[in-house]
């Protein structure tokens, strides 16, 4: 008897400050990577599916994003964290961060 199946692994890549399309709030969004792996006798052998998503921490809406956007956003978040380790972000007028944040790929311009 051969036992096979799949297992989903979720990796948290970064936390980004974005405007949510669903609730309209400027909130933290978790950028995650979902990897499905083929298993044989409960041992993960190889990945066969990979998707990236953001989830709003305010309302909980999750949205799939393109791989290129996810990788660029992760690099920007890592660079910002390396530039000022341990510092809280500086906010300007109306609670907006002073340094540019990545725009959500499905966000309406000006929203």
C-alpha atoms as a PDB file:
ATOM      1  CA  UNK A   1       0.000   0.000   0.000  1.00  0.00           C
ATOM      2  CA  UNK A   2       1.321   3.431  -0.989  1.00  0.00           C
ATOM      3  CA  UNK A   3       0.268   6.473   1.035  1.00  0.00           C
ATOM      4  CA  UNK A   4       0.491   9.775  -0.811  1.00  0.00           C
ATOM      5  CA  UNK A   5      -1.103  13.205  -0.627  1.00  0.00           C
ATOM      6  CA  UNK A   6      -0.402  16.912  -0.348  1.00  0.00           C
ATOM      7  CA  UNK A   7       0.467  19.326   2.428  1.00  0.00           C
ATOM      8  CA  UNK A   8       0.121  23.112   2.438  1.00  0.00           C
ATOM      9  CA  UNK A   9       2.899  25.221   3.975  1.00  0.00           C
ATOM     10  CA  UNK A  10       2.298  28.915   4.736  1.00  0.00           C
ATOM     11  CA  UNK A  11       5.295  31.243   5.115  1.00  0.00           C
ATOM     12  CA  UNK A  12       4.955  34.817   6.411  1.00  0.00           C
ATOM     13  CA  UNK A  13       7.242  36.997   4.273  1.00  0.00           C
ATOM     14  CA  UNK A  14       6.589  40.556   5.479  1.00  0.00           C
ATOM     15  CA  UNK A  15       4.125  42.943   7.066  1.00  0.00           C
ATOM     16  CA  UNK A  16       3.211  45.893   4.853  1.00  0.00           C
ATOM     17  CA  UNK A  17       1.162  49.026   5.518  1.00  0.00           C
ATOM     18  CA  UNK A  18      -1.421  49.291   2.733  1.00  0.00           C
ATOM     19  CA  UNK A  19      -4.916  50.616   2.143  1.00  0.00           C
ATOM     20  CA  UNK A  20      -7.353  47.720   2.165  1.00  0.00           C
ATOM     21  CA  UNK A  21      -9.617  47.413  -0.869  1.00  0.00           C
ATOM     22  CA  UNK A  22     -12.393  45.876   1.208  1.00  0.00           C
ATOM     23  CA  UNK A  23     -12.620  48.037   4.351  1.00  0.00           C
ATOM     24  CA  UNK A  24     -10.730  51.144   3.104  1.00  0.00           C
ATOM     25  CA  UNK A  25      -8.558  51.381   6.231  1.00  0.00           C
ATOM     26  CA  UNK A  26      -4.816  51.980   6.199  1.00  0.00           C
ATOM     27  CA  UNK A  27      -3.743  48.853   8.053  1.00  0.00           C
ATOM     28  CA  UNK A  28      -1.012  46.258   8.290  1.00  0.00           C
ATOM     29  CA  UNK A  29      -1.217  43.484   5.700  1.00  0.00           C
ATOM     30  CA  UNK A  30       0.584  40.170   6.086  1.00  0.00           C
ATOM     31  CA  UNK A  31       2.335  39.054   2.921  1.00  0.00           C
ATOM     32  CA  UNK A  32       2.314  35.257   2.823  1.00  0.00           C
ATOM     33  CA  UNK A  33       3.550  32.537   0.499  1.00  0.00           C
ATOM     34  CA  UNK A  34       1.451  29.360   0.182  1.00  0.00           C
ATOM     35  CA  UNK A  35       3.354  26.286  -1.040  1.00  0.00           C
ATOM     36  CA  UNK A  36       1.657  22.940  -1.722  1.00  0.00           C
ATOM     37  CA  UNK A  37       3.977  19.929  -1.609  1.00  0.00           C
ATOM     38  CA  UNK A  38       3.459  16.358  -2.768  1.00  0.00           C
ATOM     39  CA  UNK A  39       3.973  13.853   0.069  1.00  0.00           C
ATOM     40  CA  UNK A  40       4.819  10.169  -0.044  1.00  0.00           C
ATOM     41  CA  UNK A  41       4.443   8.287   3.238  1.00  0.00           C
ATOM     42  CA  UNK A  42       3.961  11.688   4.957  1.00  0.00           C
ATOM     43  CA  UNK A  43       7.359  12.921   3.727  1.00  0.00           C
ATOM     44  CA  UNK A  44       7.178  16.130   1.645  1.00  0.00           C
ATOM     45  CA  UNK A  45       9.028  15.504  -1.621  1.00  0.00           C
ATOM     46  CA  UNK A  46       8.579  18.437  -4.011  1.00  0.00           C
ATOM     47  CA  UNK A  47       6.472  21.591  -4.353  1.00  0.00           C
ATOM     48  CA  UNK A  48       3.914  21.681  -7.146  1.00  0.00           C
ATOM     49  CA  UNK A  49       2.007  24.890  -6.426  1.00  0.00           C
ATOM     50  CA  UNK A  50       3.043  28.305  -5.120  1.00  0.00           C
ATOM     51  CA  UNK A  51       0.880  31.402  -4.580  1.00  0.00           C
ATOM     52  CA  UNK A  52       1.351  34.724  -2.809  1.00  0.00           C
ATOM     53  CA  UNK A  53      -1.349  36.587  -0.886  1.00  0.00           C
ATOM     54  CA  UNK A  54      -1.909  39.582   1.369  1.00  0.00           C
ATOM     55  CA  UNK A  55      -4.301  39.556   4.309  1.00  0.00           C
ATOM     56  CA  UNK A  56      -5.639  42.694   5.983  1.00  0.00           C
ATOM     57  CA  UNK A  57      -5.167  42.576   9.754  1.00  0.00           C
ATOM     58  CA  UNK A  58      -8.159  44.905  10.239  1.00  0.00           C
ATOM     59  CA  UNK A  59     -10.945  43.102   8.357  1.00  0.00           C
ATOM     60  CA  UNK A  60      -9.272  39.781   7.477  1.00  0.00           C
ATOM     61  CA  UNK A  61      -9.761  39.955   3.702  1.00  0.00           C
ATOM     62  CA  UNK A  62      -7.178  37.852   1.862  1.00  0.00           C
ATOM     63  CA  UNK A  63      -6.219  38.543  -1.739  1.00  0.00           C
ATOM     64  CA  UNK A  64      -3.912  36.680  -4.119  1.00  0.00           C
ATOM     65  CA  UNK A  65      -1.157  38.906  -5.568  1.00  0.00           C
ATOM     66  CA  UNK A  66       1.335  38.387  -8.427  1.00  0.00           C
ATOM     67  CA  UNK A  67       4.688  36.800  -7.569  1.00  0.00           C
ATOM     68  CA  UNK A  68       6.725  39.722  -8.921  1.00  0.00           C
ATOM     69  CA  UNK A  69       4.847  42.272  -6.781  1.00  0.00           C
ATOM     70  CA  UNK A  70       5.211  40.067  -3.691  1.00  0.00           C
ATOM     71  CA  UNK A  71       8.964  39.683  -4.157  1.00  0.00           C
ATOM     72  CA  UNK A  72       9.454  43.440  -4.753  1.00  0.00           C
ATOM     73  CA  UNK A  73       7.374  44.313  -1.670  1.00  0.00           C
ATOM     74  CA  UNK A  74       9.297  41.825   0.446  1.00  0.00           C
ATOM     75  CA  UNK A  75      12.608  43.346  -0.698  1.00  0.00           C
ATOM     76  CA  UNK A  76      11.388  46.882   0.092  1.00  0.00           C
ATOM     77  CA  UNK A  77      10.204  45.826   3.558  1.00  0.00           C
ATOM     78  CA  UNK A  78      13.544  44.111   4.269  1.00  0.00           C
ATOM     79  CA  UNK A  79      15.487  47.180   3.095  1.00  0.00           C
ATOM     80  CA  UNK A  80      13.388  49.477   5.309  1.00  0.00           C
ATOM     81  CA  UNK A  81      13.912  47.202   8.315  1.00  0.00           C
ATOM     82  CA  UNK A  82      17.668  47.013   7.694  1.00  0.00           C
ATOM     83  CA  UNK A  83      17.984  50.792   7.315  1.00  0.00           C
ATOM     84  CA  UNK A  84      16.466  51.506  10.728  1.00  0.00           C
ATOM     85  CA  UNK A  85      16.507  48.414  12.975  1.00  0.00           C
ATOM     86  CA  UNK A  86      14.384  48.757  16.108  1.00  0.00           C
ATOM     87  CA  UNK A  87      12.895  52.104  15.077  1.00  0.00           C
ATOM     88  CA  UNK A  88       9.193  52.688  14.707  1.00  0.00           C
ATOM     89  CA  UNK A  89       8.157  54.112  11.331  1.00  0.00           C
ATOM     90  CA  UNK A  90       7.862  57.899  11.160  1.00  0.00           C
ATOM     91  CA  UNK A  91       4.424  59.163  10.268  1.00  0.00           C
ATOM     92  CA  UNK A  92       3.629  62.480   8.632  1.00  0.00           C
ATOM     93  CA  UNK A  93       0.350  64.332   8.253  1.00  0.00           C
ATOM     94  CA  UNK A  94      -2.867  62.309   8.369  1.00  0.00           C
ATOM     95  CA  UNK A  95      -1.053  59.227   9.690  1.00  0.00           C
ATOM     96  CA  UNK A  96       0.604  58.420   6.360  1.00  0.00           C
ATOM     97  CA  UNK A  97       4.145  56.998   6.424  1.00  0.00           C
ATOM     98  CA  UNK A  98       6.754  59.417   5.123  1.00  0.00           C
ATOM     99  CA  UNK A  99       8.651  56.787   3.163  1.00  0.00           C
ATOM    100  CA  UNK A 100       6.873  55.416   0.072  1.00  0.00           C
ATOM    101  CA  UNK A 101       5.020  52.155   0.553  1.00  0.00           C
ATOM    102  CA  UNK A 102       4.280  49.646  -2.209  1.00  0.00           C
ATOM    103  CA  UNK A 103       0.875  50.102  -3.799  1.00  0.00           C
ATOM    104  CA  UNK A 104      -1.331  47.054  -3.735  1.00  0.00           C
ATOM    105  CA  UNK A 105      -1.504  45.656  -7.304  1.00  0.00           C
ATOM    106  CA  UNK A 106      -5.319  45.546  -7.309  1.00  0.00           C
ATOM    107  CA  UNK A 107      -5.856  48.861  -5.530  1.00  0.00           C
ATOM    108  CA  UNK A 108      -7.655  51.593  -7.426  1.00  0.00           C
ATOM    109  CA  UNK A 109      -5.395  54.598  -8.134  1.00  0.00           C
ATOM    110  CA  UNK A 110      -6.036  57.415  -5.692  1.00  0.00           C
ATOM    111  CA  UNK A 111      -8.041  55.165  -3.352  1.00  0.00           C
END
